[in-house]
Amino acid sequence: MKSFIFVLLLFIAFLFACKSSPKSHEIIKKDSISKTVSYIDLNTTTKLTGALHVPLGTIVKLKCEIIDGDKTEIKENMGLWLMKILEIDGAKADDNIILNFTHLTEDFTHNKSDEEKNSLIKENKILELIAYETGEFTGLPENYMNYAEIRATTNFYFKTSLVVIKTGFK
């Protein structure tokens, strides 16, 4: 009976750990369990998914709402327009997927100060677009200050953003 209770408690702890695991766009704490993956595997056998829950580089149709990055109260978003994802390929998106973006044809930009290029961009405007999610590492690695002066930045982490290919679709 004791072993049954022990196994049951382990199973409950496992379920709780799975449910409370961070979402793809949240920073994982330093003491979390990690897995080493070779960059070669990322190009061959391993697919990395982002906030959109599809492999990075997958072209999708999105419905997005433009939001003011200043209102997120996150320093790296200040002065930027961001996209809140409402639909992914016609399906309702999870709440709170908010991504920075670039636009390949530069019809508009995420930089709020570039008013000339941003005639299409207005807060709360809904856009339909074709895009893909990409990613990069940013910030400073853990022992950076052992070799150079510390800078005002974040810890080293991976983040994703949208690359807009085309606005509107049929």
N, C-alpha and C. Protein backbone atom coordinates (compact mmCIF):
# COMPACT_ATOMS: atom_id res chain seq x y z
N MET A 1 0.82 -1.19 0.00
CA MET A 1 0.00 0.00 0.00
C MET A 1 0.87 1.25 0.00
N LYS A 2 1.98 1.22 0.79
CA LYS A 2 2.87 2.37 0.85
C LYS A 2 3.49 2.65 -0.52
N SER A 3 3.87 1.59 -1.23
CA SER A 3 4.48 1.79 -2.55
C SER A 3 3.45 2.35 -3.53
N PHE A 4 2.19 1.95 -3.42
CA PHE A 4 1.15 2.50 -4.28
C PHE A 4 0.99 4.00 -4.02
N ILE A 5 0.95 4.40 -2.77
CA ILE A 5 0.81 5.82 -2.42
C ILE A 5 2.03 6.59 -2.92
N PHE A 6 3.22 6.02 -2.75
CA PHE A 6 4.44 6.67 -3.21
C PHE A 6 4.40 6.89 -4.73
N VAL A 7 4.00 5.86 -5.49
CA VAL A 7 3.91 5.97 -6.95
C VAL A 7 2.84 7.00 -7.33
N LEU A 8 1.72 7.00 -6.62
CA LEU A 8 0.66 7.97 -6.89
C LEU A 8 1.15 9.40 -6.65
N LEU A 9 1.86 9.61 -5.56
CA LEU A 9 2.40 10.94 -5.27
C LEU A 9 3.43 11.36 -6.33
N LEU A 10 4.26 10.44 -6.78
CA LEU A 10 5.21 10.75 -7.85
C LEU A 10 4.48 11.13 -9.13
N PHE A 11 3.44 10.38 -9.46
CA PHE A 11 2.66 10.68 -10.66
C PHE A 11 2.01 12.06 -10.57
N ILE A 12 1.44 12.41 -9.43
CA ILE A 12 0.83 13.73 -9.23
C ILE A 12 1.88 14.82 -9.35
N ALA A 13 3.05 14.60 -8.76
CA ALA A 13 4.14 15.58 -8.85
C ALA A 13 4.57 15.75 -10.31
N PHE A 14 4.63 14.64 -11.06
CA PHE A 14 4.99 14.71 -12.48
C PHE A 14 3.97 15.53 -13.26
N LEU A 15 2.68 15.27 -13.02
CA LEU A 15 1.63 16.02 -13.71
C LEU A 15 1.71 17.51 -13.38
N PHE A 16 1.94 17.83 -12.12
CA PHE A 16 2.06 19.23 -11.71
C PHE A 16 3.26 19.88 -12.38
N ALA A 17 4.37 19.18 -12.45
CA ALA A 17 5.57 19.72 -13.09
C ALA A 17 5.33 19.97 -14.57
N CYS A 18 4.64 19.07 -15.23
CA CYS A 18 4.35 19.25 -16.66
C CYS A 18 3.42 20.42 -16.88
N LYS A 19 2.42 20.56 -16.04
CA LYS A 19 1.44 21.63 -16.20
C LYS A 19 2.05 22.99 -15.89
N SER A 20 3.01 23.05 -14.97
CA SER A 20 3.58 24.33 -14.58
C SER A 20 4.86 24.66 -15.34
N SER A 21 5.17 23.86 -16.37
CA SER A 21 6.38 24.15 -17.14
C SER A 21 6.20 25.45 -17.90
N PRO A 22 7.30 26.21 -18.11
CA PRO A 22 7.18 27.52 -18.74
C PRO A 22 6.73 27.41 -20.19
N LYS A 23 6.01 28.43 -20.67
CA LYS A 23 5.63 28.49 -22.08
C LYS A 23 6.86 28.85 -22.89
N SER A 24 6.76 28.69 -24.19
CA SER A 24 7.92 28.88 -25.06
C SER A 24 8.48 30.28 -25.00
N HIS A 25 7.67 31.28 -24.68
CA HIS A 25 8.15 32.65 -24.68
C HIS A 25 8.58 33.12 -23.30
N GLU A 26 8.56 32.24 -22.29
CA GLU A 26 9.02 32.60 -20.96
C GLU A 26 10.47 32.17 -20.78
N ILE A 27 11.20 32.95 -20.01
CA ILE A 27 12.61 32.64 -19.76
C ILE A 27 12.67 31.52 -18.72
N ILE A 28 13.46 30.49 -19.01
CA ILE A 28 13.63 29.38 -18.09
C ILE A 28 14.72 29.73 -17.09
N LYS A 29 14.46 29.49 -15.84
CA LYS A 29 15.41 29.81 -14.77
C LYS A 29 16.68 28.98 -14.90
N LYS A 30 17.78 29.51 -14.40
CA LYS A 30 19.10 28.91 -14.50
C LYS A 30 19.15 27.49 -13.91
N ASP A 31 18.42 27.24 -12.82
CA ASP A 31 18.50 25.94 -12.15
C ASP A 31 17.56 24.89 -12.76
N SER A 32 16.91 25.22 -13.89
CA SER A 32 16.03 24.26 -14.55
C SER A 32 16.84 23.14 -15.20
N ILE A 33 16.18 22.03 -15.42
CA ILE A 33 16.81 20.92 -16.14
C ILE A 33 17.03 21.36 -17.58
N SER A 34 18.18 21.05 -18.12
CA SER A 34 18.45 21.45 -19.49
C SER A 34 18.90 20.25 -20.31
N LYS A 35 18.77 20.39 -21.62
CA LYS A 35 19.20 19.36 -22.54
C LYS A 35 20.10 20.04 -23.56
N THR A 36 21.24 19.48 -23.82
CA THR A 36 22.14 20.03 -24.81
C THR A 36 21.74 19.50 -26.18
N VAL A 37 21.58 20.42 -27.13
CA VAL A 37 21.21 20.07 -28.49
C VAL A 37 22.22 20.73 -29.42
N SER A 38 22.77 19.96 -30.31
CA SER A 38 23.73 20.49 -31.27
C SER A 38 23.01 21.34 -32.32
N TYR A 39 23.66 22.40 -32.77
CA TYR A 39 23.07 23.21 -33.84
C TYR A 39 22.86 22.38 -35.10
N ILE A 40 23.66 21.35 -35.28
CA ILE A 40 23.49 20.46 -36.44
C ILE A 40 22.14 19.75 -36.35
N ASP A 41 21.78 19.31 -35.12
CA ASP A 41 20.48 18.67 -34.93
C ASP A 41 19.34 19.61 -35.26
N LEU A 42 19.50 20.90 -34.98
CA LEU A 42 18.45 21.87 -35.30
C LEU A 42 18.23 21.99 -36.80
N ASN A 43 19.24 21.65 -37.57
CA ASN A 43 19.11 21.70 -39.02
C ASN A 43 18.71 20.36 -39.63
N THR A 44 18.65 19.30 -38.82
CA THR A 44 18.37 17.98 -39.39
C THR A 44 17.25 17.24 -38.65
N THR A 45 17.47 16.86 -37.41
CA THR A 45 16.55 15.95 -36.73
C THR A 45 15.65 16.59 -35.68
N THR A 46 15.95 17.81 -35.25
CA THR A 46 15.20 18.45 -34.18
C THR A 46 14.52 19.71 -34.69
N LYS A 47 13.24 19.85 -34.41
CA LYS A 47 12.49 21.05 -34.78
C LYS A 47 12.28 21.89 -33.52
N LEU A 48 12.59 23.16 -33.61
CA LEU A 48 12.41 24.09 -32.51
C LEU A 48 11.11 24.85 -32.74
N THR A 49 10.19 24.77 -31.79
CA THR A 49 8.93 25.49 -31.93
C THR A 49 8.98 26.77 -31.10
N GLY A 50 8.21 27.75 -31.53
CA GLY A 50 8.18 29.04 -30.85
C GLY A 50 6.85 29.29 -30.20
N ALA A 51 6.55 30.57 -29.99
CA ALA A 51 5.32 30.97 -29.33
C ALA A 51 4.09 30.60 -30.13
N LEU A 52 4.22 30.48 -31.46
CA LEU A 52 3.09 30.12 -32.31
C LEU A 52 2.79 28.63 -32.29
N HIS A 53 3.61 27.84 -31.62
CA HIS A 53 3.45 26.39 -31.49
C HIS A 53 3.60 25.65 -32.83
N VAL A 54 4.37 26.23 -33.73
CA VAL A 54 4.75 25.56 -34.98
C VAL A 54 6.27 25.69 -35.08
N PRO A 55 6.93 24.81 -35.83
CA PRO A 55 8.39 24.92 -35.94
C PRO A 55 8.80 26.29 -36.48
N LEU A 56 9.88 26.83 -35.94
CA LEU A 56 10.40 28.10 -36.43
C LEU A 56 10.64 27.98 -37.92
N GLY A 57 10.34 29.04 -38.66
CA GLY A 57 10.50 29.03 -40.10
C GLY A 57 9.30 28.52 -40.87
N THR A 58 8.25 28.13 -40.17
CA THR A 58 7.04 27.66 -40.83
C THR A 58 6.17 28.86 -41.20
N ILE A 59 5.82 28.98 -42.47
CA ILE A 59 5.00 30.10 -42.92
C ILE A 59 3.55 29.86 -42.53
N VAL A 60 2.95 30.87 -41.90
CA VAL A 60 1.58 30.77 -41.42
C VAL A 60 0.79 32.04 -41.79
N LYS A 61 -0.53 31.89 -41.84
CA LYS A 61 -1.43 33.03 -41.99
C LYS A 61 -1.85 33.46 -40.60
N LEU A 62 -1.70 34.75 -40.31
CA LEU A 62 -2.00 35.25 -38.98
C LEU A 62 -3.01 36.38 -39.03
N LYS A 63 -3.80 36.47 -37.98
CA LYS A 63 -4.59 37.66 -37.72
C LYS A 63 -4.01 38.22 -36.43
N CYS A 64 -3.58 39.49 -36.49
CA CYS A 64 -2.87 40.10 -35.37
C CYS A 64 -3.48 41.45 -35.02
N GLU A 65 -3.32 41.83 -33.78
CA GLU A 65 -3.69 43.16 -33.33
C GLU A 65 -2.41 43.91 -33.00
N ILE A 66 -2.29 45.13 -33.50
CA ILE A 66 -1.12 45.96 -33.20
C ILE A 66 -1.28 46.51 -31.79
N ILE A 67 -0.24 46.35 -30.98
CA ILE A 67 -0.27 46.92 -29.63
C ILE A 67 0.97 47.78 -29.40
N ASP A 68 0.84 48.71 -28.50
CA ASP A 68 1.91 49.64 -28.15
C ASP A 68 2.84 48.96 -27.15
N GLY A 69 4.10 48.78 -27.54
CA GLY A 69 5.08 48.14 -26.66
C GLY A 69 5.29 48.87 -25.35
N ASP A 70 5.06 50.18 -25.32
CA ASP A 70 5.22 50.94 -24.08
C ASP A 70 4.26 50.43 -23.00
N LYS A 71 3.09 49.96 -23.41
CA LYS A 71 2.08 49.51 -22.44
C LYS A 71 2.40 48.16 -21.82
N THR A 72 3.39 47.44 -22.36
CA THR A 72 3.78 46.16 -21.76
C THR A 72 4.65 46.38 -20.53
N GLU A 73 5.19 47.58 -20.40
CA GLU A 73 6.09 47.94 -19.30
C GLU A 73 7.33 47.05 -19.25
N ILE A 74 7.75 46.56 -20.41
CA ILE A 74 8.99 45.79 -20.54
C ILE A 74 9.96 46.66 -21.31
N LYS A 75 11.13 46.90 -20.73
CA LYS A 75 12.07 47.86 -21.29
C LYS A 75 12.40 47.60 -22.77
N GLU A 76 12.65 46.35 -23.14
CA GLU A 76 13.03 46.07 -24.52
C GLU A 76 11.90 46.33 -25.52
N ASN A 77 10.66 46.48 -25.05
CA ASN A 77 9.53 46.76 -25.93
C ASN A 77 9.23 48.25 -26.08
N MET A 78 9.89 49.09 -25.28
CA MET A 78 9.62 50.52 -25.31
C MET A 78 9.95 51.11 -26.68
N GLY A 79 9.05 51.93 -27.18
CA GLY A 79 9.26 52.59 -28.46
C GLY A 79 8.97 51.70 -29.66
N LEU A 80 8.35 50.53 -29.43
CA LEU A 80 8.07 49.60 -30.52
C LEU A 80 6.59 49.30 -30.64
N TRP A 81 6.18 48.97 -31.85
CA TRP A 81 4.89 48.35 -32.06
C TRP A 81 5.09 46.85 -31.96
N LEU A 82 4.15 46.15 -31.38
CA LEU A 82 4.21 44.70 -31.26
C LEU A 82 2.95 44.10 -31.86
N MET A 83 2.97 42.80 -32.09
CA MET A 83 1.79 42.12 -32.62
C MET A 83 1.28 41.11 -31.60
N LYS A 84 0.00 41.26 -31.25
CA LYS A 84 -0.68 40.27 -30.43
C LYS A 84 -1.36 39.32 -31.39
N ILE A 85 -1.05 38.05 -31.30
CA ILE A 85 -1.55 37.06 -32.25
C ILE A 85 -2.96 36.64 -31.84
N LEU A 86 -3.91 36.81 -32.75
CA LEU A 86 -5.31 36.45 -32.49
C LEU A 86 -5.67 35.10 -33.11
N GLU A 87 -5.17 34.85 -34.34
CA GLU A 87 -5.45 33.59 -35.04
C GLU A 87 -4.20 33.11 -35.76
N ILE A 88 -4.03 31.78 -35.80
CA ILE A 88 -2.93 31.15 -36.53
C ILE A 88 -3.56 30.17 -37.51
N ASP A 89 -3.39 30.42 -38.79
CA ASP A 89 -4.00 29.59 -39.84
C ASP A 89 -5.49 29.37 -39.60
N GLY A 90 -6.18 30.43 -39.20
CA GLY A 90 -7.63 30.38 -39.01
C GLY A 90 -8.10 29.87 -37.66
N ALA A 91 -7.20 29.36 -36.82
CA ALA A 91 -7.57 28.85 -35.50
C ALA A 91 -7.24 29.91 -34.44
N LYS A 92 -8.12 30.04 -33.45
CA LYS A 92 -7.90 31.00 -32.38
C LYS A 92 -6.58 30.69 -31.68
N ALA A 93 -5.79 31.72 -31.45
CA ALA A 93 -4.49 31.56 -30.79
C ALA A 93 -4.64 31.59 -29.28
N ASP A 94 -3.64 31.03 -28.58
CA ASP A 94 -3.58 31.15 -27.13
C ASP A 94 -3.58 32.63 -26.76
N ASP A 95 -4.10 32.94 -25.59
CA ASP A 95 -4.04 34.31 -25.11
C ASP A 95 -2.60 34.72 -24.87
N ASN A 96 -2.35 35.99 -25.06
CA ASN A 96 -1.07 36.62 -24.70
C ASN A 96 0.14 36.15 -25.49
N ILE A 97 -0.03 35.81 -26.76
CA ILE A 97 1.14 35.63 -27.61
C ILE A 97 1.42 37.00 -28.22
N ILE A 98 2.45 37.64 -27.74
CA ILE A 98 2.82 38.97 -28.19
C ILE A 98 4.25 38.90 -28.69
N LEU A 99 4.46 39.32 -29.94
CA LEU A 99 5.77 39.20 -30.55
C LEU A 99 6.22 40.50 -31.21
N ASN A 100 7.52 40.72 -31.16
CA ASN A 100 8.15 41.77 -31.93
C ASN A 100 8.16 41.30 -33.39
N PHE A 101 8.39 42.20 -34.33
CA PHE A 101 8.35 41.80 -35.72
C PHE A 101 9.27 42.64 -36.58
N THR A 102 9.61 42.09 -37.73
CA THR A 102 10.26 42.83 -38.81
C THR A 102 9.42 42.57 -40.05
N HIS A 103 9.56 43.42 -41.04
CA HIS A 103 8.77 43.28 -42.27
C HIS A 103 9.74 43.24 -43.44
N LEU A 104 9.72 42.17 -44.21
CA LEU A 104 10.69 41.99 -45.29
C LEU A 104 10.61 43.06 -46.37
N THR A 105 9.41 43.51 -46.69
CA THR A 105 9.28 44.52 -47.74
C THR A 105 9.33 45.94 -47.17
N GLU A 106 9.42 46.04 -45.86
CA GLU A 106 9.50 47.32 -45.15
C GLU A 106 8.34 48.25 -45.49
N ASP A 107 7.14 47.68 -45.70
CA ASP A 107 5.94 48.50 -45.84
C ASP A 107 5.66 49.24 -44.54
N PHE A 108 6.05 48.62 -43.45
CA PHE A 108 5.94 49.25 -42.13
C PHE A 108 7.03 48.68 -41.24
N THR A 109 7.25 49.29 -40.12
CA THR A 109 8.31 48.88 -39.20
C THR A 109 7.78 48.83 -37.79
N HIS A 110 8.46 48.12 -36.93
CA HIS A 110 8.05 48.05 -35.53
C HIS A 110 8.47 49.28 -34.75
N ASN A 111 9.36 50.10 -35.33
CA ASN A 111 9.87 51.28 -34.64
C ASN A 111 8.85 52.41 -34.70
N LYS A 112 8.29 52.79 -33.55
CA LYS A 112 7.22 53.79 -33.51
C LYS A 112 7.67 55.16 -34.01
N SER A 113 8.96 55.47 -33.94
CA SER A 113 9.43 56.80 -34.33
C SER A 113 9.49 56.99 -35.85
N ASP A 114 9.39 55.91 -36.62
CA ASP A 114 9.44 56.00 -38.07
C ASP A 114 8.02 56.21 -38.62
N GLU A 115 7.49 57.42 -38.44
CA GLU A 115 6.11 57.71 -38.80
C GLU A 115 5.85 57.59 -40.30
N GLU A 116 6.85 57.90 -41.12
CA GLU A 116 6.68 57.84 -42.58
C GLU A 116 6.31 56.43 -43.03
N LYS A 117 6.99 55.42 -42.47
CA LYS A 117 6.74 54.04 -42.88
C LYS A 117 5.54 53.42 -42.17
N ASN A 118 5.04 54.09 -41.15
CA ASN A 118 4.03 53.45 -40.32
C ASN A 118 2.61 53.93 -40.57
N SER A 119 2.30 54.31 -41.79
CA SER A 119 0.94 54.73 -42.08
C SER A 119 -0.06 53.57 -41.93
N LEU A 120 0.42 52.34 -42.11
CA LEU A 120 -0.44 51.15 -41.94
C LEU A 120 -0.63 50.77 -40.47
N ILE A 121 0.24 51.25 -39.62
CA ILE A 121 0.25 50.81 -38.23
C ILE A 121 -0.48 51.81 -37.34
N LYS A 122 -1.45 51.31 -36.63
CA LYS A 122 -2.18 52.09 -35.64
C LYS A 122 -2.49 51.15 -34.50
N GLU A 123 -2.45 51.67 -33.27
CA GLU A 123 -2.75 50.84 -32.12
C GLU A 123 -4.15 50.25 -32.25
N ASN A 124 -4.30 49.00 -31.87
CA ASN A 124 -5.54 48.22 -31.90
C ASN A 124 -6.00 47.86 -33.32
N LYS A 125 -5.23 48.21 -34.33
CA LYS A 125 -5.60 47.85 -35.70
C LYS A 125 -5.39 46.34 -35.88
N ILE A 126 -6.31 45.71 -36.59
CA ILE A 126 -6.21 44.29 -36.87
C ILE A 126 -5.61 44.11 -38.27
N LEU A 127 -4.58 43.30 -38.38
CA LEU A 127 -3.94 43.01 -39.66
C LEU A 127 -4.01 41.52 -39.95
N GLU A 128 -4.19 41.18 -41.20
CA GLU A 128 -4.03 39.80 -41.66
C GLU A 128 -2.74 39.76 -42.43
N LEU A 129 -1.91 38.78 -42.14
CA LEU A 129 -0.61 38.73 -42.79
C LEU A 129 -0.07 37.33 -42.91
N ILE A 130 0.92 37.21 -43.78
CA ILE A 130 1.68 35.97 -43.95
C ILE A 130 3.03 36.22 -43.27
N ALA A 131 3.43 35.29 -42.41
CA ALA A 131 4.67 35.50 -41.65
C ALA A 131 5.24 34.16 -41.21
N TYR A 132 6.43 34.22 -40.67
CA TYR A 132 7.01 33.07 -39.99
C TYR A 132 7.73 33.56 -38.74
N GLU A 133 7.89 32.66 -37.79
CA GLU A 133 8.57 32.99 -36.54
C GLU A 133 10.02 32.56 -36.65
N THR A 134 10.90 33.40 -36.18
CA THR A 134 12.33 33.09 -36.16
C THR A 134 12.84 33.33 -34.75
N GLY A 135 14.10 33.00 -34.50
CA GLY A 135 14.62 33.17 -33.15
C GLY A 135 16.09 33.51 -33.12
N GLU A 136 16.51 34.00 -31.95
CA GLU A 136 17.92 34.35 -31.75
C GLU A 136 18.22 34.41 -30.26
N PHE A 137 19.49 34.28 -29.93
CA PHE A 137 19.92 34.49 -28.56
C PHE A 137 20.21 35.97 -28.36
N THR A 138 19.94 36.46 -27.16
CA THR A 138 20.20 37.85 -26.82
C THR A 138 20.69 37.92 -25.38
N GLY A 139 21.23 39.05 -24.99
CA GLY A 139 21.71 39.22 -23.62
C GLY A 139 23.15 38.76 -23.45
N LEU A 140 23.60 38.76 -22.20
CA LEU A 140 24.98 38.39 -21.89
C LEU A 140 25.06 37.04 -21.20
N PRO A 141 26.03 36.20 -21.61
CA PRO A 141 26.22 34.91 -20.94
C PRO A 141 26.57 35.08 -19.46
N GLU A 142 26.40 34.01 -18.72
CA GLU A 142 26.51 34.02 -17.26
C GLU A 142 27.82 34.64 -16.73
N ASN A 143 28.97 34.27 -17.25
CA ASN A 143 30.25 34.74 -16.70
C ASN A 143 30.87 35.88 -17.50
N TYR A 144 30.10 36.59 -18.25
CA TYR A 144 30.57 37.69 -19.09
C TYR A 144 31.41 38.69 -18.28
N MET A 145 30.94 39.02 -17.06
CA MET A 145 31.63 40.05 -16.26
C MET A 145 33.02 39.62 -15.80
N ASN A 146 33.37 38.36 -15.94
CA ASN A 146 34.73 37.91 -15.62
C ASN A 146 35.73 38.34 -16.69
N TYR A 147 35.24 38.76 -17.86
CA TYR A 147 36.11 39.07 -18.98
C TYR A 147 35.97 40.49 -19.52
N ALA A 148 34.87 41.12 -19.22
CA ALA A 148 34.64 42.47 -19.75
C ALA A 148 33.70 43.21 -18.80
N GLU A 149 33.62 44.53 -18.99
CA GLU A 149 32.73 45.33 -18.15
C GLU A 149 31.28 44.93 -18.42
N ILE A 150 30.53 44.90 -17.35
CA ILE A 150 29.12 44.56 -17.47
C ILE A 150 28.37 45.68 -18.18
N ARG A 151 27.39 45.34 -18.94
CA ARG A 151 26.56 46.31 -19.65
C ARG A 151 25.12 46.20 -19.17
N ALA A 152 24.38 47.25 -19.39
CA ALA A 152 22.96 47.21 -19.05
C ALA A 152 22.25 46.37 -20.10
N THR A 153 21.89 45.16 -19.75
CA THR A 153 21.21 44.25 -20.67
C THR A 153 20.52 43.17 -19.86
N THR A 154 20.09 42.13 -20.51
CA THR A 154 19.42 41.02 -19.84
C THR A 154 20.38 39.84 -19.75
N ASN A 155 19.96 38.81 -19.03
CA ASN A 155 20.69 37.55 -19.04
C ASN A 155 20.60 36.95 -20.43
N PHE A 156 21.46 36.01 -20.72
CA PHE A 156 21.51 35.33 -22.02
C PHE A 156 20.30 34.42 -22.14
N TYR A 157 19.49 34.64 -23.16
CA TYR A 157 18.32 33.79 -23.38
C TYR A 157 17.93 33.81 -24.86
N PHE A 158 17.06 32.88 -25.23
CA PHE A 158 16.58 32.75 -26.60
C PHE A 158 15.23 33.42 -26.69
N LYS A 159 15.04 34.22 -27.74
CA LYS A 159 13.74 34.86 -27.95
C LYS A 159 13.33 34.70 -29.40
N THR A 160 12.04 34.83 -29.65
CA THR A 160 11.52 34.70 -31.00
C THR A 160 10.85 35.99 -31.44
N SER A 161 10.69 36.13 -32.74
CA SER A 161 9.99 37.28 -33.30
C SER A 161 9.39 36.86 -34.64
N LEU A 162 8.49 37.70 -35.15
CA LEU A 162 7.85 37.43 -36.43
C LEU A 162 8.60 38.10 -37.56
N VAL A 163 8.64 37.45 -38.69
CA VAL A 163 9.10 38.06 -39.92
C VAL A 163 7.88 38.10 -40.84
N VAL A 164 7.41 39.32 -41.12
CA VAL A 164 6.22 39.50 -41.95
C VAL A 164 6.65 39.46 -43.41
N ILE A 165 6.01 38.59 -44.18
CA ILE A 165 6.31 38.47 -45.61
C ILE A 165 5.37 39.34 -46.44
N LYS A 166 4.10 39.31 -46.04
CA LYS A 166 3.09 39.99 -46.84
C LYS A 166 1.90 40.35 -45.95
N THR A 167 1.35 41.53 -46.14
CA THR A 167 0.13 41.89 -45.42
C THR A 167 -1.07 41.57 -46.28
N GLY A 168 -2.12 41.10 -45.63
CA GLY A 168 -3.32 40.71 -46.35
C GLY A 168 -3.13 39.38 -47.05
N PHE A 169 -4.18 38.62 -47.19
CA PHE A 169 -4.12 37.38 -47.94
C PHE A 169 -5.53 37.00 -48.38
N LYS A 170 -5.60 36.16 -49.37
CA LYS A 170 -6.89 35.70 -49.91
C LYS A 170 -7.04 34.22 -49.67
